[in-house]
Amino acid sequence: MTETWIEAALLSDVPQDDVIAVAVQGQEIALYGVDGDVYATDNICTHGHARLCEGFLEGHEIECPLHQGRFDIRNGAAKCAPLTENIRTYPVRIDGDKVYLDLG
């Protein structure tokens, strides 16, 4: 599969130890800054359809603001009830101050 990198944000706009939402090609994506790295997932919870950018980020886990389910932002794994479905993650590439995603 061919990678197609799309500019999503400026690195300086992604706060450390927090999450922001960005729109990339009409898709709502959550970008997380953790330990100097950037991670990307869908921004909508697979269970309650809440916006994860409004949740609580602790380490590499984001807690959904609606029902407190948690996802691992590194691989999308649903970590606890009531979640039963993983969330989609996206490869991230940093080039200078630009954050690129592969939505493929």
PDB file of N, CA and C in Angstrom:
ATOM      1  N   MET A   1       0.843  -1.176   0.000  1.00  0.00           N
ATOM      2  CA  MET A   1       0.000   0.000   0.000  1.00  0.00           C
ATOM      3  C   MET A   1       0.890   1.242   0.000  1.00  0.00           C
ATOM      4  N   THR A   2       0.526   2.204  -0.809  1.00  0.00           N
ATOM      5  CA  THR A   2       1.285   3.440  -0.924  1.00  0.00           C
ATOM      6  C   THR A   2       0.865   4.416   0.172  1.00  0.00           C
ATOM      7  N   GLU A   3       1.854   5.042   0.783  1.00  0.00           N
ATOM      8  CA  GLU A   3       1.560   6.048   1.798  1.00  0.00           C
ATOM      9  C   GLU A   3       1.295   7.387   1.128  1.00  0.00           C
ATOM     10  N   THR A   4       0.289   8.086   1.608  1.00  0.00           N
ATOM     11  CA  THR A   4      -0.031   9.420   1.138  1.00  0.00           C
ATOM     12  C   THR A   4      -0.061  10.338   2.348  1.00  0.00           C
ATOM     13  N   TRP A   5       0.965  11.152   2.480  1.00  0.00           N
ATOM     14  CA  TRP A   5       1.090  12.022   3.646  1.00  0.00           C
ATOM     15  C   TRP A   5       0.368  13.340   3.402  1.00  0.00           C
ATOM     16  N   ILE A   6      -0.485  13.718   4.354  1.00  0.00           N
ATOM     17  CA  ILE A   6      -1.297  14.924   4.263  1.00  0.00           C
ATOM     18  C   ILE A   6      -0.976  15.805   5.465  1.00  0.00           C
ATOM     19  N   GLU A   7      -0.722  17.085   5.197  1.00  0.00           N
ATOM     20  CA  GLU A   7      -0.441  18.002   6.304  1.00  0.00           C
ATOM     21  C   GLU A   7      -1.683  18.160   7.173  1.00  0.00           C
ATOM     22  N   ALA A   8      -1.498  17.979   8.495  1.00  0.00           N
ATOM     23  CA  ALA A   8      -2.628  18.024   9.419  1.00  0.00           C
ATOM     24  C   ALA A   8      -2.582  19.211  10.369  1.00  0.00           C
ATOM     25  N   ALA A   9      -1.373  19.627  10.759  1.00  0.00           N
ATOM     26  CA  ALA A   9      -1.243  20.692  11.762  1.00  0.00           C
ATOM     27  C   ALA A   9       0.206  21.127  11.836  1.00  0.00           C
ATOM     28  N   LEU A  10       0.425  22.201  12.565  1.00  0.00           N
ATOM     29  CA  LEU A  10       1.782  22.590  12.923  1.00  0.00           C
ATOM     30  C   LEU A  10       2.142  21.887  14.228  1.00  0.00           C
ATOM     31  N   LEU A  11       3.362  21.419  14.314  1.00  0.00           N
ATOM     32  CA  LEU A  11       3.818  20.757  15.529  1.00  0.00           C
ATOM     33  C   LEU A  11       3.663  21.682  16.732  1.00  0.00           C
ATOM     34  N   SER A  12       3.918  22.959  16.525  1.00  0.00           N
ATOM     35  CA  SER A  12       3.807  23.927  17.620  1.00  0.00           C
ATOM     36  C   SER A  12       2.366  24.106  18.107  1.00  0.00           C
ATOM     37  N   ASP A  13       1.380  23.639  17.335  1.00  0.00           N
ATOM     38  CA  ASP A  13      -0.023  23.719  17.747  1.00  0.00           C
ATOM     39  C   ASP A  13      -0.481  22.504  18.548  1.00  0.00           C
ATOM     40  N   VAL A  14       0.350  21.461  18.608  1.00  0.00           N
ATOM     41  CA  VAL A  14      -0.006  20.238  19.341  1.00  0.00           C
ATOM     42  C   VAL A  14       0.606  20.333  20.737  1.00  0.00           C
ATOM     43  N   PRO A  15      -0.217  20.594  21.746  1.00  0.00           N
ATOM     44  CA  PRO A  15       0.327  20.770  23.095  1.00  0.00           C
ATOM     45  C   PRO A  15       0.817  19.450  23.682  1.00  0.00           C
ATOM     46  N   GLN A  16       1.879  19.515  24.469  1.00  0.00           N
ATOM     47  CA  GLN A  16       2.355  18.322  25.158  1.00  0.00           C
ATOM     48  C   GLN A  16       1.383  17.950  26.274  1.00  0.00           C
ATOM     49  N   ASP A  17       1.175  16.645  26.414  1.00  0.00           N
ATOM     50  CA  ASP A  17       0.287  16.099  27.448  1.00  0.00           C
ATOM     51  C   ASP A  17      -1.138  16.607  27.308  1.00  0.00           C
ATOM     52  N   ASP A  18      -1.565  16.781  26.052  1.00  0.00           N
ATOM     53  CA  ASP A  18      -2.932  17.220  25.789  1.00  0.00           C
ATOM     54  C   ASP A  18      -3.338  16.757  24.396  1.00  0.00           C
ATOM     55  N   VAL A  19      -4.563  17.065  24.029  1.00  0.00           N
ATOM     56  CA  VAL A  19      -5.135  16.622  22.756  1.00  0.00           C
ATOM     57  C   VAL A  19      -5.852  17.791  22.095  1.00  0.00           C
ATOM     58  N   ILE A  20      -5.768  17.843  20.760  1.00  0.00           N
ATOM     59  CA  ILE A  20      -6.523  18.821  19.980  1.00  0.00           C
ATOM     60  C   ILE A  20      -7.232  18.091  18.845  1.00  0.00           C
ATOM     61  N   ALA A  21      -8.252  18.722  18.306  1.00  0.00           N
ATOM     62  CA  ALA A  21      -8.961  18.187  17.145  1.00  0.00           C
ATOM     63  C   ALA A  21      -8.561  18.972  15.913  1.00  0.00           C
ATOM     64  N   VAL A  22      -8.398  18.260  14.800  1.00  0.00           N
ATOM     65  CA  VAL A  22      -8.139  18.890  13.510  1.00  0.00           C
ATOM     66  C   VAL A  22      -9.027  18.218  12.469  1.00  0.00           C
ATOM     67  N   ALA A  23      -9.340  18.947  11.421  1.00  0.00           N
ATOM     68  CA  ALA A  23     -10.077  18.383  10.292  1.00  0.00           C
ATOM     69  C   ALA A  23      -9.085  18.147   9.165  1.00  0.00           C
ATOM     70  N   VAL A  24      -9.030  16.915   8.694  1.00  0.00           N
ATOM     71  CA  VAL A  24      -8.123  16.545   7.615  1.00  0.00           C
ATOM     72  C   VAL A  24      -8.947  15.848   6.541  1.00  0.00           C
ATOM     73  N   GLN A  25      -9.032  16.466   5.388  1.00  0.00           N
ATOM     74  CA  GLN A  25      -9.829  15.951   4.275  1.00  0.00           C
ATOM     75  C   GLN A  25     -11.246  15.579   4.719  1.00  0.00           C
ATOM     76  N   GLY A  26     -11.862  16.463   5.494  1.00  0.00           N
ATOM     77  CA  GLY A  26     -13.231  16.251   5.934  1.00  0.00           C
ATOM     78  C   GLY A  26     -13.395  15.253   7.067  1.00  0.00           C
ATOM     79  N   GLN A  27     -12.304  14.779   7.610  1.00  0.00           N
ATOM     80  CA  GLN A  27     -12.328  13.790   8.682  1.00  0.00           C
ATOM     81  C   GLN A  27     -11.852  14.438   9.978  1.00  0.00           C
ATOM     82  N   GLU A  28     -12.563  14.190  11.077  1.00  0.00           N
ATOM     83  CA  GLU A  28     -12.168  14.761  12.361  1.00  0.00           C
ATOM     84  C   GLU A  28     -11.162  13.836  13.040  1.00  0.00           C
ATOM     85  N   ILE A  29      -9.971  14.372  13.294  1.00  0.00           N
ATOM     86  CA  ILE A  29      -8.850  13.612  13.846  1.00  0.00           C
ATOM     87  C   ILE A  29      -8.440  14.235  15.176  1.00  0.00           C
ATOM     88  N   ALA A  30      -8.071  13.396  16.139  1.00  0.00           N
ATOM     89  CA  ALA A  30      -7.499  13.860  17.402  1.00  0.00           C
ATOM     90  C   ALA A  30      -5.987  13.705  17.325  1.00  0.00           C
ATOM     91  N   LEU A  31      -5.262  14.768  17.659  1.00  0.00           N
ATOM     92  CA  LEU A  31      -3.798  14.736  17.727  1.00  0.00           C
ATOM     93  C   LEU A  31      -3.387  14.883  19.184  1.00  0.00           C
ATOM     94  N   TYR A  32      -2.486  14.008  19.612  1.00  0.00           N
ATOM     95  CA  TYR A  32      -2.051  13.958  21.005  1.00  0.00           C
ATOM     96  C   TYR A  32      -0.554  14.219  21.074  1.00  0.00           C
ATOM     97  N   GLY A  33      -0.124  15.043  22.010  1.00  0.00           N
ATOM     98  CA  GLY A  33       1.295  15.246  22.267  1.00  0.00           C
ATOM     99  C   GLY A  33       1.679  14.538  23.558  1.00  0.00           C
ATOM    100  N   VAL A  34       2.541  13.508  23.450  1.00  0.00           N
ATOM    101  CA  VAL A  34       2.947  12.735  24.629  1.00  0.00           C
ATOM    102  C   VAL A  34       4.435  12.425  24.542  1.00  0.00           C
ATOM    103  N   ASP A  35       5.176  12.810  25.560  1.00  0.00           N
ATOM    104  CA  ASP A  35       6.610  12.490  25.656  1.00  0.00           C
ATOM    105  C   ASP A  35       7.388  12.897  24.403  1.00  0.00           C
ATOM    106  N   GLY A  36       7.032  14.037  23.821  1.00  0.00           N
ATOM    107  CA  GLY A  36       7.738  14.528  22.649  1.00  0.00           C
ATOM    108  C   GLY A  36       7.297  13.912  21.337  1.00  0.00           C
ATOM    109  N   ASP A  37       6.359  12.974  21.379  1.00  0.00           N
ATOM    110  CA  ASP A  37       5.829  12.347  20.167  1.00  0.00           C
ATOM    111  C   ASP A  37       4.418  12.850  19.901  1.00  0.00           C
ATOM    112  N   VAL A  38       3.955  12.652  18.663  1.00  0.00           N
ATOM    113  CA  VAL A  38       2.588  12.998  18.289  1.00  0.00           C
ATOM    114  C   VAL A  38       1.899  11.725  17.818  1.00  0.00           C
ATOM    115  N   TYR A  39       0.678  11.523  18.274  1.00  0.00           N
ATOM    116  CA  TYR A  39      -0.142  10.376  17.896  1.00  0.00           C
ATOM    117  C   TYR A  39      -1.439  10.902  17.301  1.00  0.00           C
ATOM    118  N   ALA A  40      -2.080  10.076  16.457  1.00  0.00           N
ATOM    119  CA  ALA A  40      -3.328  10.483  15.815  1.00  0.00           C
ATOM    120  C   ALA A  40      -4.332   9.338  15.836  1.00  0.00           C
ATOM    121  N   THR A  41      -5.578   9.674  16.186  1.00  0.00           N
ATOM    122  CA  THR A  41      -6.681   8.716  16.130  1.00  0.00           C
ATOM    123  C   THR A  41      -7.900   9.428  15.556  1.00  0.00           C
ATOM    124  N   ASP A  42      -8.929   8.633  15.232  1.00  0.00           N
ATOM    125  CA  ASP A  42     -10.220   9.257  14.983  1.00  0.00           C
ATOM    126  C   ASP A  42     -10.591  10.036  16.238  1.00  0.00           C
ATOM    127  N   ASN A  43     -11.351  11.098  16.075  1.00  0.00           N
ATOM    128  CA  ASN A  43     -11.713  11.927  17.226  1.00  0.00           C
ATOM    129  C   ASN A  43     -13.031  11.507  17.863  1.00  0.00           C
ATOM    130  N   ILE A  44     -13.755  10.600  17.236  1.00  0.00           N
ATOM    131  CA  ILE A  44     -15.066  10.204  17.736  1.00  0.00           C
ATOM    132  C   ILE A  44     -14.978   8.827  18.387  1.00  0.00           C
ATOM    133  N   CYS A  45     -15.436   8.734  19.629  1.00  0.00           N
ATOM    134  CA  CYS A  45     -15.415   7.478  20.381  1.00  0.00           C
ATOM    135  C   CYS A  45     -16.248   6.414  19.660  1.00  0.00           C
ATOM    136  N   THR A  46     -15.764   5.185  19.660  1.00  0.00           N
ATOM    137  CA  THR A  46     -16.471   4.080  19.002  1.00  0.00           C
ATOM    138  C   THR A  46     -17.691   3.620  19.794  1.00  0.00           C
ATOM    139  N   HIS A  47     -17.815   4.049  21.028  1.00  0.00           N
ATOM    140  CA  HIS A  47     -18.945   3.616  21.858  1.00  0.00           C
ATOM    141  C   HIS A  47     -20.045   4.677  21.928  1.00  0.00           C
ATOM    142  N   GLY A  48     -19.704   5.837  22.455  1.00  0.00           N
ATOM    143  CA  GLY A  48     -20.725   6.850  22.718  1.00  0.00           C
ATOM    144  C   GLY A  48     -20.749   7.995  21.735  1.00  0.00           C
ATOM    145  N   HIS A  49     -19.867   7.952  20.736  1.00  0.00           N
ATOM    146  CA  HIS A  49     -19.794   8.979  19.698  1.00  0.00           C
ATOM    147  C   HIS A  49     -19.467  10.367  20.250  1.00  0.00           C
ATOM    148  N   ALA A  50     -18.775  10.410  21.381  1.00  0.00           N
ATOM    149  CA  ALA A  50     -18.315  11.681  21.947  1.00  0.00           C
ATOM    150  C   ALA A  50     -16.996  12.078  21.290  1.00  0.00           C
ATOM    151  N   ARG A  51     -16.653  13.349  21.392  1.00  0.00           N
ATOM    152  CA  ARG A  51     -15.394  13.861  20.837  1.00  0.00           C
ATOM    153  C   ARG A  51     -14.266  13.609  21.840  1.00  0.00           C
ATOM    154  N   LEU A  52     -13.280  12.822  21.428  1.00  0.00           N
ATOM    155  CA  LEU A  52     -12.180  12.472  22.328  1.00  0.00           C
ATOM    156  C   LEU A  52     -11.327  13.678  22.694  1.00  0.00           C
ATOM    157  N   CYS A  53     -11.304  14.703  21.841  1.00  0.00           N
ATOM    158  CA  CYS A  53     -10.529  15.905  22.159  1.00  0.00           C
ATOM    159  C   CYS A  53     -11.060  16.606  23.403  1.00  0.00           C
ATOM    160  N   GLU A  54     -12.254  16.249  23.840  1.00  0.00           N
ATOM    161  CA  GLU A  54     -12.840  16.814  25.052  1.00  0.00           C
ATOM    162  C   GLU A  54     -12.623  15.905  26.257  1.00  0.00           C
ATOM    163  N   GLY A  55     -11.889  14.804  26.039  1.00  0.00           N
ATOM    164  CA  GLY A  55     -11.632  13.843  27.107  1.00  0.00           C
ATOM    165  C   GLY A  55     -10.380  14.178  27.899  1.00  0.00           C
ATOM    166  N   PHE A  56      -9.983  13.246  28.750  1.00  0.00           N
ATOM    167  CA  PHE A  56      -8.842  13.415  29.647  1.00  0.00           C
ATOM    168  C   PHE A  56      -7.701  12.523  29.175  1.00  0.00           C
ATOM    169  N   LEU A  57      -6.549  13.120  28.865  1.00  0.00           N
ATOM    170  CA  LEU A  57      -5.372  12.378  28.422  1.00  0.00           C
ATOM    171  C   LEU A  57      -4.468  12.118  29.616  1.00  0.00           C
ATOM    172  N   GLU A  58      -4.165  10.846  29.843  1.00  0.00           N
ATOM    173  CA  GLU A  58      -3.247  10.457  30.908  1.00  0.00           C
ATOM    174  C   GLU A  58      -2.233   9.491  30.314  1.00  0.00           C
ATOM    175  N   GLY A  59      -1.007   9.979  30.172  1.00  0.00           N
ATOM    176  CA  GLY A  59       0.012   9.154  29.520  1.00  0.00           C
ATOM    177  C   GLY A  59      -0.405   8.869  28.094  1.00  0.00           C
ATOM    178  N   HIS A  60      -0.439   7.585  27.733  1.00  0.00           N
ATOM    179  CA  HIS A  60      -0.817   7.181  26.379  1.00  0.00           C
ATOM    180  C   HIS A  60      -2.272   6.726  26.284  1.00  0.00           C
ATOM    181  N   GLU A  61      -3.097   7.124  27.253  1.00  0.00           N
ATOM    182  CA  GLU A  61      -4.507   6.746  27.215  1.00  0.00           C
ATOM    183  C   GLU A  61      -5.395   7.986  27.231  1.00  0.00           C
ATOM    184  N   ILE A  62      -6.405   7.954  26.351  1.00  0.00           N
ATOM    185  CA  ILE A  62      -7.403   9.017  26.325  1.00  0.00           C
ATOM    186  C   ILE A  62      -8.697   8.450  26.902  1.00  0.00           C
ATOM    187  N   GLU A  63      -9.293   9.218  27.813  1.00  0.00           N
ATOM    188  CA  GLU A  63     -10.553   8.813  28.430  1.00  0.00           C
ATOM    189  C   GLU A  63     -11.690   9.561  27.764  1.00  0.00           C
ATOM    190  N   CYS A  64     -12.663   8.821  27.280  1.00  0.00           N
ATOM    191  CA  CYS A  64     -13.832   9.427  26.648  1.00  0.00           C
ATOM    192  C   CYS A  64     -14.594  10.251  27.684  1.00  0.00           C
ATOM    193  N   PRO A  65     -15.006  11.468  27.325  1.00  0.00           N
ATOM    194  CA  PRO A  65     -15.699  12.323  28.290  1.00  0.00           C
ATOM    195  C   PRO A  65     -17.128  11.870  28.594  1.00  0.00           C
ATOM    196  N   LEU A  66     -17.670  10.961  27.803  1.00  0.00           N
ATOM    197  CA  LEU A  66     -19.070  10.578  27.984  1.00  0.00           C
ATOM    198  C   LEU A  66     -19.245   9.431  28.980  1.00  0.00           C
ATOM    199  N   HIS A  67     -18.534   8.312  28.757  1.00  0.00           N
ATOM    200  CA  HIS A  67     -18.711   7.136  29.620  1.00  0.00           C
ATOM    201  C   HIS A  67     -17.411   6.648  30.252  1.00  0.00           C
ATOM    202  N   GLN A  68     -16.342   7.414  30.142  1.00  0.00           N
ATOM    203  CA  GLN A  68     -15.051   7.133  30.772  1.00  0.00           C
ATOM    204  C   GLN A  68     -14.357   5.869  30.267  1.00  0.00           C
ATOM    205  N   GLY A  69     -14.713   5.400  29.086  1.00  0.00           N
ATOM    206  CA  GLY A  69     -13.927   4.342  28.455  1.00  0.00           C
ATOM    207  C   GLY A  69     -12.576   4.909  28.049  1.00  0.00           C
ATOM    208  N   ARG A  70     -11.548   4.050  27.966  1.00  0.00           N
ATOM    209  CA  ARG A  70     -10.193   4.528  27.667  1.00  0.00           C
ATOM    210  C   ARG A  70      -9.623   3.780  26.464  1.00  0.00           C
ATOM    211  N   PHE A  71      -8.930   4.550  25.601  1.00  0.00           N
ATOM    212  CA  PHE A  71      -8.218   3.993  24.454  1.00  0.00           C
ATOM    213  C   PHE A  71      -6.727   4.236  24.611  1.00  0.00           C
ATOM    214  N   ASP A  72      -5.912   3.276  24.157  1.00  0.00           N
ATOM    215  CA  ASP A  72      -4.468   3.479  24.041  1.00  0.00           C
ATOM    216  C   ASP A  72      -4.242   4.201  22.717  1.00  0.00           C
ATOM    217  N   ILE A  73      -3.705   5.411  22.761  1.00  0.00           N
ATOM    218  CA  ILE A  73      -3.552   6.214  21.549  1.00  0.00           C
ATOM    219  C   ILE A  73      -2.449   5.695  20.638  1.00  0.00           C
ATOM    220  N   ARG A  74      -1.593   4.805  21.135  1.00  0.00           N
ATOM    221  CA  ARG A  74      -0.513   4.260  20.306  1.00  0.00           C
ATOM    222  C   ARG A  74      -1.017   3.217  19.324  1.00  0.00           C
ATOM    223  N   ASN A  75      -2.026   2.445  19.722  1.00  0.00           N
ATOM    224  CA  ASN A  75      -2.499   1.366  18.855  1.00  0.00           C
ATOM    225  C   ASN A  75      -4.018   1.309  18.732  1.00  0.00           C
ATOM    226  N   GLY A  76      -4.718   2.200  19.417  1.00  0.00           N
ATOM    227  CA  GLY A  76      -6.170   2.269  19.319  1.00  0.00           C
ATOM    228  C   GLY A  76      -6.925   1.280  20.180  1.00  0.00           C
ATOM    229  N   ALA A  77      -6.223   0.491  20.992  1.00  0.00           N
ATOM    230  CA  ALA A  77      -6.869  -0.559  21.777  1.00  0.00           C
ATOM    231  C   ALA A  77      -7.859   0.015  22.785  1.00  0.00           C
ATOM    232  N   ALA A  78      -9.058  -0.571  22.797  1.00  0.00           N
ATOM    233  CA  ALA A  78     -10.051  -0.255  23.817  1.00  0.00           C
ATOM    234  C   ALA A  78      -9.594  -0.919  25.110  1.00  0.00           C
ATOM    235  N   LYS A  79      -9.426  -0.135  26.174  1.00  0.00           N
ATOM    236  CA  LYS A  79      -8.794  -0.634  27.398  1.00  0.00           C
ATOM    237  C   LYS A  79      -9.772  -1.078  28.490  1.00  0.00           C
ATOM    238  N   CYS A  80     -11.018  -0.625  28.443  1.00  0.00           N
ATOM    239  CA  CYS A  80     -11.941  -0.985  29.523  1.00  0.00           C
ATOM    240  C   CYS A  80     -13.386  -0.768  29.070  1.00  0.00           C
ATOM    241  N   ALA A  81     -14.309  -1.311  29.867  1.00  0.00           N
ATOM    242  CA  ALA A  81     -15.730  -1.128  29.601  1.00  0.00           C
ATOM    243  C   ALA A  81     -16.068   0.359  29.748  1.00  0.00           C
ATOM    244  N   PRO A  82     -17.020   0.840  29.013  1.00  0.00           N
ATOM    245  CA  PRO A  82     -17.954   0.104  28.174  1.00  0.00           C
ATOM    246  C   PRO A  82     -17.470  -0.104  26.738  1.00  0.00           C
ATOM    247  N   LEU A  83     -16.210   0.211  26.455  1.00  0.00           N
ATOM    248  CA  LEU A  83     -15.701   0.093  25.092  1.00  0.00           C
ATOM    249  C   LEU A  83     -15.566  -1.365  24.673  1.00  0.00           C
ATOM    250  N   THR A  84     -15.990  -1.652  23.448  1.00  0.00           N
ATOM    251  CA  THR A  84     -15.839  -2.998  22.889  1.00  0.00           C
ATOM    252  C   THR A  84     -15.140  -2.966  21.536  1.00  0.00           C
ATOM    253  N   GLU A  85     -14.973  -1.779  20.980  1.00  0.00           N
ATOM    254  CA  GLU A  85     -14.373  -1.632  19.652  1.00  0.00           C
ATOM    255  C   GLU A  85     -13.185  -0.677  19.724  1.00  0.00           C
ATOM    256  N   ASN A  86     -12.064  -1.104  19.137  1.00  0.00           N
ATOM    257  CA  ASN A  86     -10.874  -0.250  19.083  1.00  0.00           C
ATOM    258  C   ASN A  86     -11.148   0.987  18.243  1.00  0.00           C
ATOM    259  N   ILE A  87     -10.306   1.992  18.415  1.00  0.00           N
ATOM    260  CA  ILE A  87     -10.402   3.208  17.611  1.00  0.00           C
ATOM    261  C   ILE A  87      -9.300   3.184  16.555  1.00  0.00           C
ATOM    262  N   ARG A  88      -9.568   3.788  15.429  1.00  0.00           N
ATOM    263  CA  ARG A  88      -8.582   3.805  14.350  1.00  0.00           C
ATOM    264  C   ARG A  88      -7.456   4.787  14.665  1.00  0.00           C
ATOM    265  N   THR A  89      -6.235   4.346  14.413  1.00  0.00           N
ATOM    266  CA  THR A  89      -5.059   5.198  14.569  1.00  0.00           C
ATOM    267  C   THR A  89      -4.467   5.471  13.194  1.00  0.00           C
ATOM    268  N   TYR A  90      -3.622   6.494  13.115  1.00  0.00           N
ATOM    269  CA  TYR A  90      -3.015   6.892  11.847  1.00  0.00           C
ATOM    270  C   TYR A  90      -1.520   7.101  12.024  1.00  0.00           C
ATOM    271  N   PRO A  91      -0.728   6.687  11.035  1.00  0.00           N
ATOM    272  CA  PRO A  91       0.710   6.977  11.080  1.00  0.00           C
ATOM    273  C   PRO A  91       0.950   8.483  11.043  1.00  0.00           C
ATOM    274  N   VAL A  92       1.951   8.917  11.800  1.00  0.00           N
ATOM    275  CA  VAL A  92       2.303  10.333  11.903  1.00  0.00           C
ATOM    276  C   VAL A  92       3.748  10.516  11.471  1.00  0.00           C
ATOM    277  N   ARG A  93       3.996  11.573  10.714  1.00  0.00           N
ATOM    278  CA  ARG A  93       5.361  11.948  10.330  1.00  0.00           C
ATOM    279  C   ARG A  93       5.531  13.432  10.638  1.00  0.00           C
ATOM    280  N   ILE A  94       6.678  13.771  11.209  1.00  0.00           N
ATOM    281  CA  ILE A  94       7.000  15.165  11.518  1.00  0.00           C
ATOM    282  C   ILE A  94       8.101  15.617  10.571  1.00  0.00           C
ATOM    283  N   ASP A  95       7.907  16.777   9.959  1.00  0.00           N
ATOM    284  CA  ASP A  95       8.925  17.369   9.088  1.00  0.00           C
ATOM    285  C   ASP A  95       9.023  18.846   9.460  1.00  0.00           C
ATOM    286  N   GLY A  96      10.075  19.191  10.182  1.00  0.00           N
ATOM    287  CA  GLY A  96      10.200  20.561  10.673  1.00  0.00           C
ATOM    288  C   GLY A  96       9.108  20.842  11.683  1.00  0.00           C
ATOM    289  N   ASP A  97       8.278  21.856  11.423  1.00  0.00           N
ATOM    290  CA  ASP A  97       7.173  22.190  12.322  1.00  0.00           C
ATOM    291  C   ASP A  97       5.834  21.688  11.782  1.00  0.00           C
ATOM    292  N   LYS A  98       5.865  20.782  10.816  1.00  0.00           N
ATOM    293  CA  LYS A  98       4.619  20.289  10.229  1.00  0.00           C
ATOM    294  C   LYS A  98       4.370  18.838  10.631  1.00  0.00           C
ATOM    295  N   VAL A  99       3.100  18.561  10.936  1.00  0.00           N
ATOM    296  CA  VAL A  99       2.654  17.215  11.278  1.00  0.00           C
ATOM    297  C   VAL A  99       1.882  16.674  10.082  1.00  0.00           C
ATOM    298  N   TYR A 100       2.312  15.517   9.595  1.00  0.00           N
ATOM    299  CA  TYR A 100       1.662  14.865   8.461  1.00  0.00           C
ATOM    300  C   TYR A 100       1.036  13.554   8.917  1.00  0.00           C
ATOM    301  N   LEU A 101      -0.113  13.215   8.323  1.00  0.00           N
ATOM    302  CA  LEU A 101      -0.795  11.957   8.601  1.00  0.00           C
ATOM    303  C   LEU A 101      -0.967  11.172   7.319  1.00  0.00           C
ATOM    304  N   ASP A 102      -0.985   9.855   7.458  1.00  0.00           N
ATOM    305  CA  ASP A 102      -1.351   8.968   6.359  1.00  0.00           C
ATOM    306  C   ASP A 102      -2.728   8.406   6.690  1.00  0.00           C
ATOM    307  N   LEU A 103      -3.760   8.903   6.021  1.00  0.00           N
ATOM    308  CA  LEU A 103      -5.129   8.479   6.296  1.00  0.00           C
ATOM    309  C   LEU A 103      -5.497   7.190   5.587  1.00  0.00           C
ATOM    310  N   GLY A 104      -4.572   6.684   4.737  1.00  0.00           N
ATOM    311  CA  GLY A 104      -4.814   5.466   3.956  1.00  0.00           C
ATOM    312  C   GLY A 104      -5.352   4.359   4.757  1.00  0.00           C
TER     313      GLY A 104
END
